[in-house]
Amino acid sequence: MTHQIIMAGFGGQGVMSMGKILAEAGLKEGKNVSWLPSYGPEMRGGTANCSVIISDEPIGAPTVTEATTAIVMNRPSLDKFEKDVLPGGHLLINSSLIDRKATRDDINVYYIPANEIADELGTGKIANMVMLGAFIKVTNAAKEDTIMEYIAEVFSGKNADIIPLNKEALKRGADCIK
């Protein structure tokens, strides 16, 4: 199985770290992975997206032009990447910041109030983890336990106190998927 994912949003929304965490989890599970970041002219506040491929087969090219899933964190990203999702694919929309519905009826669309959930948990900085939790529930591209293990590794030491918060954000995102 090959998952070709586009993750997009404003710089500062954690799009790159969400992609890197997913790629690292796939790697830990022995899968072939690719993570290709793309930044707009500004880092924070500008556009940012990354392509992640997780596959049981060798990966020929790191770019994703036909996505099995797109995760969009803001309206400009929805406008740009909705068309790139393959028919039957998945589109995860951060409904906290995006004021329109998807226009396609040949894909599976999920509206996740990521920023609202993150704010309920105490910090808007984990909206990306909410979206990642929803993505994992929809696709099973990586195991939730593997993502949790990697988060624990990344935030060990002086940042260990935010591990439970990230884990809860993943869980809450997954809970949005019925």
C-alpha atoms as a PDB file:
ATOM      1  CA  MET A   1       0.000   0.000   0.000  1.00  0.00           C
ATOM      2  CA  THR A   2       1.277   3.473  -0.879  1.00  0.00           C
ATOM      3  CA  HIS A   3       0.075   6.635   0.829  1.00  0.00           C
ATOM      4  CA  GLN A   4       0.871   9.878  -0.983  1.00  0.00           C
ATOM      5  CA  ILE A   5       0.075  12.789   1.296  1.00  0.00           C
ATOM      6  CA  ILE A   6       0.107  16.550   0.864  1.00  0.00           C
ATOM      7  CA  MET A   7       0.119  18.555   4.098  1.00  0.00           C
ATOM      8  CA  ALA A   8      -0.333  22.302   3.751  1.00  0.00           C
ATOM      9  CA  GLY A   9      -0.967  25.468   5.725  1.00  0.00           C
ATOM     10  CA  PHE A  10       0.585  28.724   6.870  1.00  0.00           C
ATOM     11  CA  GLY A  11       4.151  28.718   8.136  1.00  0.00           C
ATOM     12  CA  GLY A  12       4.040  28.266  11.900  1.00  0.00           C
ATOM     13  CA  GLN A  13       1.101  25.814  11.894  1.00  0.00           C
ATOM     14  CA  GLY A  14       3.411  22.815  12.300  1.00  0.00           C
ATOM     15  CA  VAL A  15       2.879  21.400   8.819  1.00  0.00           C
ATOM     16  CA  MET A  16       6.536  20.411   8.417  1.00  0.00           C
ATOM     17  CA  SER A  17       6.795  18.803  11.836  1.00  0.00           C
ATOM     18  CA  MET A  18       3.529  16.911  11.230  1.00  0.00           C
ATOM     19  CA  GLY A  19       5.006  15.527   8.002  1.00  0.00           C
ATOM     20  CA  LYS A  20       8.333  14.692   9.589  1.00  0.00           C
ATOM     21  CA  ILE A  21       6.689  12.866  12.489  1.00  0.00           C
ATOM     22  CA  LEU A  22       4.622  10.817  10.053  1.00  0.00           C
ATOM     23  CA  ALA A  23       7.647   9.996   7.893  1.00  0.00           C
ATOM     24  CA  GLU A  24       9.715   8.990  10.919  1.00  0.00           C
ATOM     25  CA  ALA A  25       6.902   6.745  12.166  1.00  0.00           C
ATOM     26  CA  GLY A  26       6.731   5.037   8.774  1.00  0.00           C
ATOM     27  CA  LEU A  27      10.489   4.548   8.854  1.00  0.00           C
ATOM     28  CA  LYS A  28      10.297   3.013  12.341  1.00  0.00           C
ATOM     29  CA  GLU A  29       7.744   0.549  10.953  1.00  0.00           C
ATOM     30  CA  GLY A  30      10.158  -0.543   8.229  1.00  0.00           C
ATOM     31  CA  LYS A  31       8.344   1.169   5.382  1.00  0.00           C
ATOM     32  CA  ASN A  32       9.869   3.190   2.566  1.00  0.00           C
ATOM     33  CA  VAL A  33       9.323   6.884   3.207  1.00  0.00           C
ATOM     34  CA  SER A  34       9.881  10.256   1.623  1.00  0.00           C
ATOM     35  CA  TRP A  35       9.436  13.711   3.168  1.00  0.00           C
ATOM     36  CA  LEU A  36       9.792  16.725   0.888  1.00  0.00           C
ATOM     37  CA  PRO A  37       9.227  20.193   2.383  1.00  0.00           C
ATOM     38  CA  SER A  38       8.261  23.261   0.353  1.00  0.00           C
ATOM     39  CA  TYR A  39       8.242  26.761   1.827  1.00  0.00           C
ATOM     40  CA  GLY A  40       6.708  29.969   0.550  1.00  0.00           C
ATOM     41  CA  PRO A  41       8.766  33.182   0.533  1.00  0.00           C
ATOM     42  CA  GLU A  42       8.107  33.810   4.236  1.00  0.00           C
ATOM     43  CA  MET A  43       8.576  31.188   6.913  1.00  0.00           C
ATOM     44  CA  ARG A  44       6.089  32.144   9.634  1.00  0.00           C
ATOM     45  CA  GLY A  45       2.814  33.282   8.115  1.00  0.00           C
ATOM     46  CA  GLY A  46       3.762  32.368   4.540  1.00  0.00           C
ATOM     47  CA  THR A  47       2.572  29.223   2.826  1.00  0.00           C
ATOM     48  CA  ALA A  48       4.200  25.917   3.611  1.00  0.00           C
ATOM     49  CA  ASN A  49       3.528  22.396   2.472  1.00  0.00           C
ATOM     50  CA  CYS A  50       5.212  19.060   2.421  1.00  0.00           C
ATOM     51  CA  SER A  51       4.799  15.839   0.537  1.00  0.00           C
ATOM     52  CA  VAL A  52       5.020  12.584   2.468  1.00  0.00           C
ATOM     53  CA  ILE A  53       5.043   9.169   0.871  1.00  0.00           C
ATOM     54  CA  ILE A  54       4.784   5.994   2.934  1.00  0.00           C
ATOM     55  CA  SER A  55       4.967   2.767   0.979  1.00  0.00           C
ATOM     56  CA  ASP A  56       5.631  -0.937   1.181  1.00  0.00           C
ATOM     57  CA  GLU A  57       7.259  -0.599  -2.262  1.00  0.00           C
ATOM     58  CA  PRO A  58      10.313   1.434  -3.322  1.00  0.00           C
ATOM     59  CA  ILE A  59       9.547   5.117  -3.917  1.00  0.00           C
ATOM     60  CA  GLY A  60      10.476   6.393  -7.365  1.00  0.00           C
ATOM     61  CA  ALA A  61      10.154  10.156  -6.784  1.00  0.00           C
ATOM     62  CA  PRO A  62       9.541  12.213  -3.631  1.00  0.00           C
ATOM     63  CA  THR A  63       7.008  14.580  -5.174  1.00  0.00           C
ATOM     64  CA  VAL A  64       3.273  14.094  -4.783  1.00  0.00           C
ATOM     65  CA  THR A  65       1.146  15.368  -7.651  1.00  0.00           C
ATOM     66  CA  GLU A  66      -1.730  12.929  -7.204  1.00  0.00           C
ATOM     67  CA  ALA A  67      -2.411  12.608  -3.500  1.00  0.00           C
ATOM     68  CA  THR A  68      -4.243   9.792  -1.798  1.00  0.00           C
ATOM     69  CA  THR A  69      -4.769  12.292   1.044  1.00  0.00           C
ATOM     70  CA  ALA A  70      -4.464  16.040   1.518  1.00  0.00           C
ATOM     71  CA  ILE A  71      -4.429  17.653   4.949  1.00  0.00           C
ATOM     72  CA  VAL A  72      -5.182  21.361   4.681  1.00  0.00           C
ATOM     73  CA  MET A  73      -4.803  23.715   7.596  1.00  0.00           C
ATOM     74  CA  ASN A  74      -5.964  26.967   5.921  1.00  0.00           C
ATOM     75  CA  ARG A  75      -8.174  28.252   3.093  1.00  0.00           C
ATOM     76  CA  PRO A  76      -5.370  28.981   0.568  1.00  0.00           C
ATOM     77  CA  SER A  77      -4.195  25.374   0.967  1.00  0.00           C
ATOM     78  CA  LEU A  78      -7.691  24.018   0.360  1.00  0.00           C
ATOM     79  CA  ASP A  79      -8.012  26.198  -2.741  1.00  0.00           C
ATOM     80  CA  LYS A  80      -4.651  24.996  -4.046  1.00  0.00           C
ATOM     81  CA  PHE A  81      -4.630  21.270  -3.206  1.00  0.00           C
ATOM     82  CA  GLU A  82      -8.239  20.021  -3.265  1.00  0.00           C
ATOM     83  CA  LYS A  83      -7.911  19.268  -6.986  1.00  0.00           C
ATOM     84  CA  ASP A  84      -4.797  17.137  -6.388  1.00  0.00           C
ATOM     85  CA  VAL A  85      -6.588  14.423  -4.389  1.00  0.00           C
ATOM     86  CA  LEU A  86      -7.241  11.273  -6.391  1.00  0.00           C
ATOM     87  CA  PRO A  87     -10.880  10.155  -6.753  1.00  0.00           C
ATOM     88  CA  GLY A  88     -11.692   8.000  -3.742  1.00  0.00           C
ATOM     89  CA  GLY A  89      -8.953   9.734  -1.740  1.00  0.00           C
ATOM     90  CA  HIS A  90      -9.232  11.699   1.482  1.00  0.00           C
ATOM     91  CA  LEU A  91      -9.321  15.418   2.230  1.00  0.00           C
ATOM     92  CA  LEU A  92      -8.943  16.511   5.851  1.00  0.00           C
ATOM     93  CA  ILE A  93      -9.976  20.135   6.385  1.00  0.00           C
ATOM     94  CA  ASN A  94      -9.200  22.261   9.445  1.00  0.00           C
ATOM     95  CA  SER A  95     -12.740  23.559   9.846  1.00  0.00           C
ATOM     96  CA  SER A  96     -11.628  25.999  12.556  1.00  0.00           C
ATOM     97  CA  LEU A  97      -9.923  28.197   9.957  1.00  0.00           C
ATOM     98  CA  ILE A  98     -11.519  27.210   6.649  1.00  0.00           C
ATOM     99  CA  ASP A  99     -14.858  28.830   5.913  1.00  0.00           C
ATOM    100  CA  ARG A 100     -15.907  26.810   2.891  1.00  0.00           C
ATOM    101  CA  LYS A 101     -16.831  23.228   2.136  1.00  0.00           C
ATOM    102  CA  ALA A 102     -15.045  20.983  -0.324  1.00  0.00           C
ATOM    103  CA  THR A 103     -16.379  21.238  -3.865  1.00  0.00           C
ATOM    104  CA  ARG A 104     -15.774  17.633  -4.891  1.00  0.00           C
ATOM    105  CA  ASP A 105     -18.078  14.672  -4.337  1.00  0.00           C
ATOM    106  CA  ASP A 106     -15.679  11.961  -5.551  1.00  0.00           C
ATOM    107  CA  ILE A 107     -13.463  12.077  -2.442  1.00  0.00           C
ATOM    108  CA  ASN A 108     -13.946  11.442   1.275  1.00  0.00           C
ATOM    109  CA  VAL A 109     -13.980  14.757   3.138  1.00  0.00           C
ATOM    110  CA  TYR A 110     -13.492  15.187   6.887  1.00  0.00           C
ATOM    111  CA  TYR A 111     -13.981  18.478   8.728  1.00  0.00           C
ATOM    112  CA  ILE A 112     -11.803  18.612  11.840  1.00  0.00           C
ATOM    113  CA  PRO A 113     -12.060  21.617  14.220  1.00  0.00           C
ATOM    114  CA  ALA A 114      -8.331  21.337  14.937  1.00  0.00           C
ATOM    115  CA  ASN A 115      -7.721  24.808  16.354  1.00  0.00           C
ATOM    116  CA  GLU A 116     -10.780  24.637  18.592  1.00  0.00           C
ATOM    117  CA  ILE A 117      -9.659  21.284  19.993  1.00  0.00           C
ATOM    118  CA  ALA A 118      -6.104  22.556  20.463  1.00  0.00           C
ATOM    119  CA  ASP A 119      -7.397  25.617  22.304  1.00  0.00           C
ATOM    120  CA  GLU A 120      -9.546  23.391  24.542  1.00  0.00           C
ATOM    121  CA  LEU A 121      -6.363  21.497  25.399  1.00  0.00           C
ATOM    122  CA  GLY A 122      -4.620  24.741  26.323  1.00  0.00           C
ATOM    123  CA  THR A 123      -2.499  25.708  23.311  1.00  0.00           C
ATOM    124  CA  GLY A 124      -3.178  26.379  19.654  1.00  0.00           C
ATOM    125  CA  LYS A 125       0.283  25.026  18.838  1.00  0.00           C
ATOM    126  CA  ILE A 126      -0.961  21.430  18.725  1.00  0.00           C
ATOM    127  CA  ALA A 127      -3.630  21.791  16.039  1.00  0.00           C
ATOM    128  CA  ASN A 128      -1.248  19.894  13.749  1.00  0.00           C
ATOM    129  CA  MET A 129      -1.267  16.914  16.123  1.00  0.00           C
ATOM    130  CA  VAL A 130      -5.071  16.955  16.133  1.00  0.00           C
ATOM    131  CA  MET A 131      -5.026  16.739  12.330  1.00  0.00           C
ATOM    132  CA  LEU A 132      -2.382  14.011  12.400  1.00  0.00           C
ATOM    133  CA  GLY A 133      -4.522  11.964  14.797  1.00  0.00           C
ATOM    134  CA  ALA A 134      -7.492  12.254  12.445  1.00  0.00           C
ATOM    135  CA  PHE A 135      -5.314  11.296   9.470  1.00  0.00           C
ATOM    136  CA  ILE A 136      -3.988   8.163  11.203  1.00  0.00           C
ATOM    137  CA  LYS A 137      -7.537   7.091  12.087  1.00  0.00           C
ATOM    138  CA  VAL A 138      -8.700   7.556   8.467  1.00  0.00           C
ATOM    139  CA  THR A 139      -5.778   5.912   6.676  1.00  0.00           C
ATOM    140  CA  ASN A 140      -3.815   3.678   9.062  1.00  0.00           C
ATOM    141  CA  ALA A 141      -0.715   4.875   7.164  1.00  0.00           C
ATOM    142  CA  ALA A 142       1.250   4.395  10.406  1.00  0.00           C
ATOM    143  CA  LYS A 143       0.336   2.965  13.770  1.00  0.00           C
ATOM    144  CA  GLU A 144      -0.779   5.387  16.463  1.00  0.00           C
ATOM    145  CA  ASP A 145       1.554   3.649  18.931  1.00  0.00           C
ATOM    146  CA  THR A 146       4.535   4.277  16.647  1.00  0.00           C
ATOM    147  CA  ILE A 147       3.664   7.968  16.379  1.00  0.00           C
ATOM    148  CA  MET A 148       3.327   8.138  20.162  1.00  0.00           C
ATOM    149  CA  GLU A 149       6.736   6.473  20.584  1.00  0.00           C
ATOM    150  CA  TYR A 150       8.359   8.921  18.199  1.00  0.00           C
ATOM    151  CA  ILE A 151       6.751  11.923  19.930  1.00  0.00           C
ATOM    152  CA  ALA A 152       8.095  10.638  23.255  1.00  0.00           C
ATOM    153  CA  GLU A 153      11.593  10.421  21.726  1.00  0.00           C
ATOM    154  CA  VAL A 154      11.449  13.886  20.163  1.00  0.00           C
ATOM    155  CA  PHE A 155      10.159  15.622  23.268  1.00  0.00           C
ATOM    156  CA  SER A 156      12.209  13.736  25.857  1.00  0.00           C
ATOM    157  CA  GLY A 157      14.363  15.636  28.310  1.00  0.00           C
ATOM    158  CA  LYS A 158      13.479  19.247  29.061  1.00  0.00           C
ATOM    159  CA  ASN A 159      10.352  19.125  26.855  1.00  0.00           C
ATOM    160  CA  ALA A 160       8.971  15.879  28.302  1.00  0.00           C
ATOM    161  CA  ASP A 161       6.118  17.753  29.974  1.00  0.00           C
ATOM    162  CA  ILE A 162       4.424  18.338  26.587  1.00  0.00           C
ATOM    163  CA  ILE A 163       4.341  14.644  25.618  1.00  0.00           C
ATOM    164  CA  PRO A 164       0.949  13.960  27.285  1.00  0.00           C
ATOM    165  CA  LEU A 165      -0.527  17.053  25.609  1.00  0.00           C
ATOM    166  CA  ASN A 166       0.589  15.899  22.146  1.00  0.00           C
ATOM    167  CA  LYS A 167      -0.728  12.409  22.814  1.00  0.00           C
ATOM    168  CA  GLU A 168      -4.094  13.816  23.890  1.00  0.00           C
ATOM    169  CA  ALA A 169      -4.224  15.981  20.749  1.00  0.00           C
ATOM    170  CA  LEU A 170      -3.659  12.874  18.588  1.00  0.00           C
ATOM    171  CA  LYS A 171      -6.403  11.035  20.432  1.00  0.00           C
ATOM    172  CA  ARG A 172      -8.856  13.932  20.141  1.00  0.00           C
ATOM    173  CA  GLY A 173      -8.191  14.188  16.402  1.00  0.00           C
ATOM    174  CA  ALA A 174      -8.840  10.477  15.977  1.00  0.00           C
ATOM    175  CA  ASP A 175     -12.070  10.842  17.957  1.00  0.00           C
ATOM    176  CA  CYS A 176     -13.359  13.292  15.301  1.00  0.00           C
ATOM    177  CA  ILE A 177     -13.511  10.450  12.764  1.00  0.00           C
ATOM    178  CA  LYS A 178     -16.698   8.450  12.918  1.00  0.00           C
END
